[in-house]
Amino acid sequence: MGTKTRPGSKVKLNSLSLDAKNYKQIAKKHEPSRNVFANCVRAFLAGGVICVIGQAVQEFFKAVFDMTEREAANPTVAVMIILSIILTSMGVYDKIAQWAGAGSAVPVTGFANSMCSSALESRTEGLVLGVGANMFKLAGSVIVFGVVAAFIVGVIYAIFGIQVRHL
């Protein structure tokens, strides 16, 4: 366990005597700088490229298999998930994520990446207790959030009598 220090108290660190204020100043001086604008631009570009690829896949299904936009949606999502899993397995998606930051967390591909990453990390522990259990640590919270949010929205719609028009 870490030790708690009071403001103004001294901390021994490699035979140096530092108080909390001096430590924070030294740590801040050595902290890498972050270019927020550049990070936002990279996230925007990466997320946009992922979405353009998804749109291209959907247009492919519409043109080649003569599907409507609604019919092409499910196979498009499946292809994007498979691409994300393949890139994660080869270690490429992680490199994209390091460069792109939040832009690589586009919902479907980002979720598939996180599921695949946790499965790959725990494969030495076995299929059931390793891959199966650890893969759903992240997925469980996401699924529970989705179900609870849908339930709350459904209750609100029922209370106020809001009718949903299905496409």
Protein backbone atom coordinates (compact mmCIF):
# COMPACT_ATOMS: atom_id res chain seq x y z
CA MET A 1 0.00 0.00 0.00
CA GLY A 2 1.09 3.54 -0.64
CA THR A 3 1.86 5.87 2.20
CA LYS A 4 -0.21 8.97 2.67
CA THR A 5 1.53 12.26 3.10
CA ARG A 6 0.22 15.42 4.59
CA PRO A 7 0.76 18.77 2.87
CA GLY A 8 4.19 20.11 3.76
CA SER A 9 5.49 16.73 4.94
CA LYS A 10 8.76 15.40 3.59
CA VAL A 11 9.04 12.28 1.40
CA LYS A 12 12.30 10.35 1.08
CA LEU A 13 12.93 9.48 -2.55
CA ASN A 14 16.35 8.09 -3.51
CA SER A 15 17.92 9.88 -0.56
CA LEU A 16 16.33 13.17 -1.67
CA SER A 17 14.00 15.00 0.60
CA LEU A 18 10.95 16.38 -1.26
CA ASP A 19 7.72 17.83 -0.04
CA ALA A 20 4.50 17.24 -1.98
CA LYS A 21 4.62 20.67 -3.67
CA ASN A 22 8.17 20.20 -5.01
CA TYR A 23 7.35 16.68 -6.16
CA LYS A 24 4.37 17.94 -8.18
CA GLN A 25 6.52 20.65 -9.78
CA ILE A 26 9.20 18.14 -10.78
CA ALA A 27 6.62 15.66 -12.08
CA LYS A 28 4.87 18.36 -14.12
CA LYS A 29 8.19 19.47 -15.62
CA HIS A 30 8.92 15.93 -16.86
CA GLU A 31 5.37 15.20 -18.05
CA PRO A 32 5.16 14.91 -21.84
CA SER A 33 3.31 17.76 -23.48
CA ARG A 34 0.03 17.06 -25.22
CA ASN A 35 -1.06 18.80 -28.36
CA VAL A 36 -4.84 18.74 -27.95
CA PHE A 37 -5.56 20.23 -31.37
CA ALA A 38 -3.39 17.65 -33.19
CA ASN A 39 -4.96 14.83 -31.17
CA CYS A 40 -8.45 16.04 -32.12
CA VAL A 41 -7.52 16.26 -35.80
CA ARG A 42 -6.03 12.74 -35.78
CA ALA A 43 -9.11 11.36 -33.98
CA PHE A 44 -11.40 13.07 -36.48
CA LEU A 45 -9.43 11.76 -39.48
CA ALA A 46 -9.15 8.20 -38.17
CA GLY A 47 -12.81 8.00 -37.18
CA GLY A 48 -13.76 9.47 -40.54
CA VAL A 49 -11.65 6.94 -42.46
CA ILE A 50 -13.20 4.06 -40.50
CA CYS A 51 -16.68 5.39 -41.27
CA VAL A 52 -15.83 5.88 -44.97
CA ILE A 53 -14.64 2.26 -45.11
CA GLY A 54 -17.93 1.18 -43.53
CA GLN A 55 -19.87 3.24 -46.04
CA ALA A 56 -17.87 1.72 -48.90
CA VAL A 57 -18.64 -1.78 -47.62
CA GLN A 58 -22.34 -0.93 -47.43
CA GLU A 59 -22.31 0.52 -50.95
CA PHE A 60 -20.60 -2.68 -52.13
CA PHE A 61 -23.41 -4.81 -50.70
CA LYS A 62 -26.03 -2.54 -52.23
CA ALA A 63 -24.42 -2.59 -55.67
CA VAL A 64 -23.24 -6.20 -55.93
CA PHE A 65 -26.01 -8.01 -54.08
CA ASP A 66 -28.81 -5.59 -54.98
CA MET A 67 -29.66 -4.94 -51.33
CA THR A 68 -31.55 -2.01 -49.91
CA GLU A 69 -29.78 0.22 -47.42
CA ARG A 70 -31.59 -1.53 -44.56
CA GLU A 71 -30.70 -5.01 -45.86
CA ALA A 72 -27.04 -4.04 -46.32
CA ALA A 73 -26.67 -2.71 -42.77
CA ASN A 74 -26.23 -6.06 -40.97
CA PRO A 75 -23.62 -7.57 -43.30
CA THR A 76 -21.76 -4.24 -43.25
CA VAL A 77 -21.54 -4.35 -39.46
CA ALA A 78 -20.37 -7.98 -39.63
CA VAL A 79 -17.62 -7.12 -42.13
CA MET A 80 -16.44 -4.17 -40.02
CA ILE A 81 -16.30 -6.38 -36.91
CA ILE A 82 -14.35 -9.06 -38.79
CA LEU A 83 -11.91 -6.47 -40.17
CA SER A 84 -11.39 -5.06 -36.69
CA ILE A 85 -10.75 -8.52 -35.23
CA ILE A 86 -8.29 -9.41 -38.00
CA LEU A 87 -6.41 -6.12 -37.57
CA THR A 88 -6.36 -6.55 -33.79
CA SER A 89 -5.06 -10.11 -34.09
CA MET A 90 -2.22 -8.92 -36.34
CA GLY A 91 -1.37 -6.03 -33.98
CA VAL A 92 -2.26 -3.38 -36.55
CA TYR A 93 -5.37 -1.97 -34.84
CA ASP A 94 -3.37 -1.16 -31.70
CA LYS A 95 -0.89 0.87 -33.75
CA ILE A 96 -3.78 2.70 -35.40
CA ALA A 97 -5.28 3.35 -31.95
CA GLN A 98 -1.99 4.75 -30.63
CA TRP A 99 -1.88 7.25 -33.47
CA ALA A 100 -5.60 8.00 -33.70
CA GLY A 101 -6.54 8.00 -30.02
CA ALA A 102 -10.29 8.25 -29.53
CA GLY A 103 -10.92 8.23 -33.28
CA SER A 104 -10.32 4.49 -33.39
CA ALA A 105 -13.04 3.92 -30.82
CA VAL A 106 -15.83 4.15 -33.40
CA PRO A 107 -18.48 2.02 -31.65
CA VAL A 108 -18.50 -1.22 -33.64
CA THR A 109 -14.81 -1.49 -34.47
CA GLY A 110 -13.64 -0.16 -31.11
CA PHE A 111 -15.84 -2.60 -29.22
CA ALA A 112 -14.70 -5.51 -31.40
CA ASN A 113 -11.08 -4.45 -30.84
CA SER A 114 -11.48 -4.38 -27.06
CA MET A 115 -13.23 -7.77 -27.03
CA CYS A 116 -10.58 -9.35 -29.23
CA SER A 117 -7.72 -7.77 -27.25
CA SER A 118 -8.99 -9.13 -23.94
CA ALA A 119 -9.51 -12.56 -25.50
CA LEU A 120 -5.96 -12.57 -26.89
CA GLU A 121 -4.46 -11.47 -23.58
CA SER A 122 -6.11 -14.25 -21.60
CA ARG A 123 -5.83 -17.15 -24.04
CA THR A 124 -3.07 -18.80 -21.95
CA GLU A 125 -5.56 -19.23 -19.08
CA GLY A 126 -7.76 -21.53 -21.16
CA LEU A 127 -10.80 -21.14 -23.36
CA VAL A 128 -13.47 -21.02 -20.67
CA LEU A 129 -11.84 -19.39 -17.64
CA GLY A 130 -9.43 -17.31 -19.69
CA VAL A 131 -10.90 -16.21 -22.99
CA GLY A 132 -14.58 -16.67 -22.15
CA ALA A 133 -14.50 -15.06 -18.71
CA ASN A 134 -12.18 -12.15 -19.44
CA MET A 135 -13.63 -11.31 -22.84
CA PHE A 136 -17.01 -10.56 -21.28
CA LYS A 137 -15.69 -8.38 -18.45
CA LEU A 138 -15.89 -5.40 -20.78
CA ALA A 139 -18.83 -6.65 -22.80
CA GLY A 140 -20.91 -7.32 -19.71
CA SER A 141 -20.90 -3.72 -18.56
CA VAL A 142 -21.63 -2.43 -22.06
CA ILE A 143 -24.53 -4.86 -22.54
CA VAL A 144 -25.97 -4.09 -19.09
CA PHE A 145 -25.75 -0.35 -19.80
CA GLY A 146 -27.52 -0.83 -23.15
CA VAL A 147 -30.30 -2.93 -21.66
CA VAL A 148 -30.86 -0.59 -18.71
CA ALA A 149 -30.84 2.50 -20.96
CA ALA A 150 -33.32 0.86 -23.35
CA PHE A 151 -35.56 -0.08 -20.41
CA ILE A 152 -35.51 3.48 -19.04
CA VAL A 153 -36.29 4.97 -22.46
CA GLY A 154 -39.10 2.42 -22.89
CA VAL A 155 -40.61 3.36 -19.52
CA ILE A 156 -40.43 7.07 -20.40
CA TYR A 157 -42.10 6.40 -23.75
CA ALA A 158 -44.82 4.35 -22.02
CA ILE A 159 -45.47 7.00 -19.36
CA PHE A 160 -45.80 9.82 -21.86
CA GLY A 161 -47.59 7.72 -24.48
CA ILE A 162 -44.98 8.35 -27.15
CA GLN A 163 -45.59 6.21 -30.21
CA VAL A 164 -42.61 4.87 -32.14
CA ARG A 165 -42.89 4.69 -35.88
CA HIS A 166 -40.97 1.71 -37.25
CA LEU A 167 -39.21 2.10 -40.56
